[in-house]
Every structure is written in C-alpha cells, then in structure tokens.
Protein backbone atom coordinates (compact mmCIF):
# COMPACT_ATOMS: atom_id res chain seq x y z
CA MET A 1 -8.39 8.64 34.54
CA TYR A 2 -7.97 12.21 33.27
CA LEU A 3 -5.29 10.66 30.92
CA VAL A 4 -7.34 8.04 29.58
CA LYS A 5 -10.20 10.33 28.75
CA CYS A 6 -7.84 12.68 26.88
CA PHE A 7 -6.44 10.04 25.13
CA ILE A 8 -9.68 8.51 23.97
CA LEU A 9 -10.71 12.16 22.74
CA LEU A 10 -7.64 12.44 21.04
CA ALA A 11 -8.04 9.22 19.17
CA ILE A 12 -11.60 10.43 18.31
CA PHE A 13 -10.56 13.56 17.04
CA SER A 14 -7.55 12.08 14.86
CA SER A 15 -9.97 9.44 13.47
CA THR A 16 -12.67 11.87 12.46
CA LEU A 17 -9.98 14.25 10.79
CA ALA A 18 -8.71 11.46 8.86
CA GLN A 19 -12.05 10.64 7.81
CA ALA A 20 -12.78 14.42 6.90
CA SER A 21 -9.73 14.57 5.00
CA ILE A 22 -10.57 11.39 2.89
CA SER A 23 -14.22 12.94 2.46
CA GLN A 24 -12.92 16.08 1.01
CA LEU A 25 -11.17 14.02 -1.61
CA ALA A 26 -14.57 13.13 -3.30
CA ASN A 27 -13.87 15.85 -5.98
CA SER A 28 -10.32 15.86 -6.16
CA LYS A 29 -8.16 12.72 -6.05
CA VAL A 30 -4.51 11.54 -4.44
CA ASP A 31 -1.69 12.78 -6.34
CA LEU A 32 1.06 10.73 -4.68
CA VAL A 33 1.31 7.57 -2.64
CA VAL A 34 4.59 6.97 -0.31
CA VAL A 35 5.50 3.57 1.12
CA ASN A 36 7.79 3.33 3.69
CA LYS A 37 8.93 -0.18 4.18
CA SER A 38 10.91 0.30 7.14
CA GLU A 39 7.92 1.47 8.93
CA SER A 40 5.32 -0.63 7.42
CA SER A 41 3.31 2.53 6.51
CA MET A 42 1.63 3.89 3.32
CA SER A 43 0.83 7.61 2.99
CA ILE A 44 -1.65 9.37 0.54
CA TYR A 45 -1.01 12.82 -0.34
CA HIS A 46 -3.02 15.49 -2.12
CA GLU A 47 -1.07 18.75 -3.33
CA GLY A 48 1.82 18.21 -0.81
CA GLN A 49 -0.46 17.38 2.26
CA LYS A 50 -0.40 14.10 3.70
CA ILE A 51 -4.03 12.86 4.16
CA LYS A 52 -3.83 9.54 5.67
CA THR A 53 -1.45 6.79 6.61
CA TYR A 54 -2.42 3.07 6.64
CA GLN A 55 -0.60 0.23 8.19
CA ILE A 56 0.39 -2.08 5.59
CA ALA A 57 1.86 -5.90 5.10
CA MET A 58 4.42 -6.72 2.71
CA GLY A 59 6.22 -9.83 1.21
CA ASP A 60 7.68 -12.20 3.63
CA ALA A 61 11.36 -10.65 2.94
CA PRO A 62 10.41 -6.98 3.09
CA GLN A 63 14.08 -5.51 3.21
CA GLY A 64 15.81 -4.60 -0.06
CA HIS A 65 14.77 -4.22 -3.49
CA LYS A 66 12.81 -6.97 -5.20
CA LEU A 67 15.67 -8.53 -7.35
CA LYS A 68 13.69 -11.46 -9.03
CA GLU A 69 10.57 -13.40 -9.41
CA GLY A 70 9.59 -15.24 -6.01
CA ASP A 71 12.09 -13.53 -3.95
CA GLN A 72 9.25 -12.22 -1.49
CA ARG A 73 10.31 -8.58 -1.69
CA THR A 74 8.50 -5.56 -2.41
CA PRO A 75 10.09 -3.34 -5.01
CA GLN A 76 11.73 0.01 -4.02
CA GLY A 77 11.52 2.93 -6.24
CA ARG A 78 9.15 5.30 -8.32
CA TYR A 79 6.24 3.57 -10.16
CA ILE A 80 2.91 4.52 -11.52
CA LEU A 81 -0.36 2.89 -10.10
CA ASP A 82 -1.33 2.03 -13.64
CA TYR A 83 -4.78 0.07 -13.37
CA LYS A 84 -7.41 -1.39 -10.99
CA LYS A 85 -8.61 -4.82 -10.72
CA SER A 86 -11.78 -5.11 -9.43
CA ASP A 87 -11.99 -8.96 -9.32
CA SER A 88 -8.72 -9.76 -7.62
CA ALA A 89 -7.97 -12.82 -5.58
CA PHE A 90 -7.46 -10.27 -2.59
CA TYR A 91 -10.69 -8.41 -2.86
CA LYS A 92 -9.80 -5.46 -5.00
CA SER A 93 -6.39 -4.38 -6.13
CA ILE A 94 -4.52 -1.60 -7.76
CA HIS A 95 -1.44 -2.47 -10.02
CA ILE A 96 2.00 -1.33 -9.51
CA SER A 97 3.93 -0.60 -12.65
CA TYR A 98 6.54 -3.13 -11.52
CA PRO A 99 8.99 -3.85 -13.34
CA ASN A 100 10.40 -0.71 -15.01
CA GLU A 101 13.22 -0.64 -17.26
CA GLU A 102 15.90 -0.29 -14.61
CA ASP A 103 14.51 -3.44 -12.94
CA ARG A 104 14.45 -5.46 -16.27
CA LEU A 105 18.11 -4.65 -16.82
CA ARG A 106 19.06 -5.53 -13.35
CA ALA A 107 17.27 -8.74 -13.73
CA ASN A 108 18.45 -9.45 -17.22
CA ALA A 109 21.98 -8.72 -15.52
CA LEU A 110 21.50 -11.37 -13.08
CA GLY A 111 19.97 -13.99 -15.50
CA VAL A 112 16.59 -14.05 -13.67
CA SER A 113 13.16 -13.16 -14.29
CA PRO A 114 12.05 -9.71 -12.57
CA GLY A 115 8.55 -11.00 -11.88
CA GLY A 116 5.80 -8.65 -12.09
CA MET A 117 2.03 -8.50 -10.83
CA ILE A 118 3.02 -6.18 -7.55
CA MET A 119 -0.30 -4.73 -6.37
CA ILE A 120 -1.80 -2.84 -3.58
CA HIS A 121 -4.49 -5.21 -2.45
CA GLY A 122 -7.17 -6.27 0.30
CA GLN A 123 -7.11 -9.10 2.64
CA ASN A 124 -6.27 -12.92 2.17
CA PRO A 125 -10.04 -14.45 1.80
CA ASN A 126 -8.60 -17.69 3.20
CA SER A 127 -6.80 -16.20 6.38
CA SER A 128 -8.35 -17.01 9.55
CA LEU A 129 -6.97 -14.01 11.23
CA THR A 130 -8.93 -10.81 11.61
CA PRO A 131 -8.12 -7.94 9.48
CA GLU A 132 -6.34 -5.85 12.12
CA GLN A 133 -4.45 -9.28 13.12
CA ALA A 134 -3.23 -9.93 9.74
CA GLN A 135 -1.59 -6.41 9.20
CA GLN A 136 0.77 -7.33 11.94
CA TYR A 137 2.36 -9.81 9.62
CA ASN A 138 4.32 -9.63 6.25
CA TRP A 139 2.52 -12.38 4.33
CA THR A 140 1.88 -11.42 0.70
CA ASN A 141 4.38 -12.21 -2.26
CA GLY A 142 5.74 -8.98 -2.50
CA CYS A 143 2.40 -6.89 -2.81
CA ILE A 144 1.26 -4.26 -0.32
CA ALA A 145 -1.82 -5.32 1.82
CA VAL A 146 -4.27 -3.18 3.50
CA THR A 147 -7.58 -4.22 5.14
CA ASN A 148 -10.61 -4.47 2.81
CA LYS A 149 -12.35 -1.29 4.44
CA GLU A 150 -9.08 0.59 3.67
CA MET A 151 -9.13 -0.71 0.07
CA ASP A 152 -12.42 0.70 -0.50
CA GLU A 153 -11.35 4.05 0.81
CA LEU A 154 -8.26 3.83 -1.41
CA TRP A 155 -10.33 2.67 -4.35
CA ARG A 156 -12.28 5.98 -4.29
CA VAL A 157 -9.49 8.27 -4.14
CA ILE A 158 -6.64 6.58 -6.19
CA GLU A 159 -6.90 7.03 -9.96
CA GLU A 160 -4.99 5.17 -12.61
CA GLY A 161 -1.75 6.92 -13.42
CA THR A 162 -1.30 8.19 -9.83
CA PRO A 163 2.69 7.80 -8.74
CA ILE A 164 3.87 5.75 -5.96
CA GLU A 165 7.25 6.10 -4.27
CA ILE A 166 8.04 2.99 -2.39
CA TRP A 167 11.02 3.78 0.18
CA PRO A 168 13.37 1.37 1.96
C-alpha cells in the first residue's frame, strides 16, 4: 500500500512539475522540438532544458526516412516548424518544412514525388477511439499526432521558425 501511495504522489508531482514548466514558458517559447521515432515521443526544449515529452502517433510505416509521397513514413532530419494552421482537418496543426532540398534531390533521383504537408497535429475527428487509445497506434499519413489538449499546449509555446529534429 505504501508503494502505491508513493507512486501516486510521484505521478501527481511529475504532472504538476510538467505543467509548471509549460506555464513558465508563457513569456518565452520553445526553441527546439525533438522527435524520437523509435520511442514514439516528442520533446520540447527551452534553452537546452527538456520541458516536456509527449507520446505521439506517426505514419503507418514509421521506420526509415520518408522517401516518397504516400509511403506512410514520417521524415527524419532537421526541419523548421514554419507555419500554423488553425483550421486543420485534425484540430490544429503546425507545418514541418519537409521536403528540404536533400529530400527533393533524393526523390528526384528515384523518379518520385517527395510528398509534403507533414504536420504536427491533433486527433482524427472521425476516430471512435479516445485520445489516449488513438495515441497507441500509428494512424497518420506520415504526420506526428498528439491529443487535442496537447496540441493546444504546443500551439501556445511553439512559434513559427522553431527548429524540429526528427530522429530514427
């Protein structure tokens, strides 16, 4: 019983600490977003300090770098979060600057279209799953999905021009 109480207190403390960190960013914004595809996670940073980590859903084929349009992969590399879209089909979204020049050259060499419109976005409005259940599956077309509540949080702390690194 003691261990259960300790675990509950630790969970409450961790949640409160994360919320406090996010609240402290009200006057200054995130300066780096890092996605770790193999861990299905996305972390936000301010001045080298990790502020919070989110569980993410990605494309149906998450392993490997996106090579072409329709391959269901999430790209890998360093990009910029270049604009926000408040009227996204998936709640709200923040666009990732994929494809970059290297991606275009690779796709051109393969004779395919690199694709585009890769976003960090909220939930699928047509899903019958709860937000927590949906995050257990890779269901996007190569985008990075979080819950709508998390998207609201990210919307407040990420400005256009923020770099994003997407790791394997």
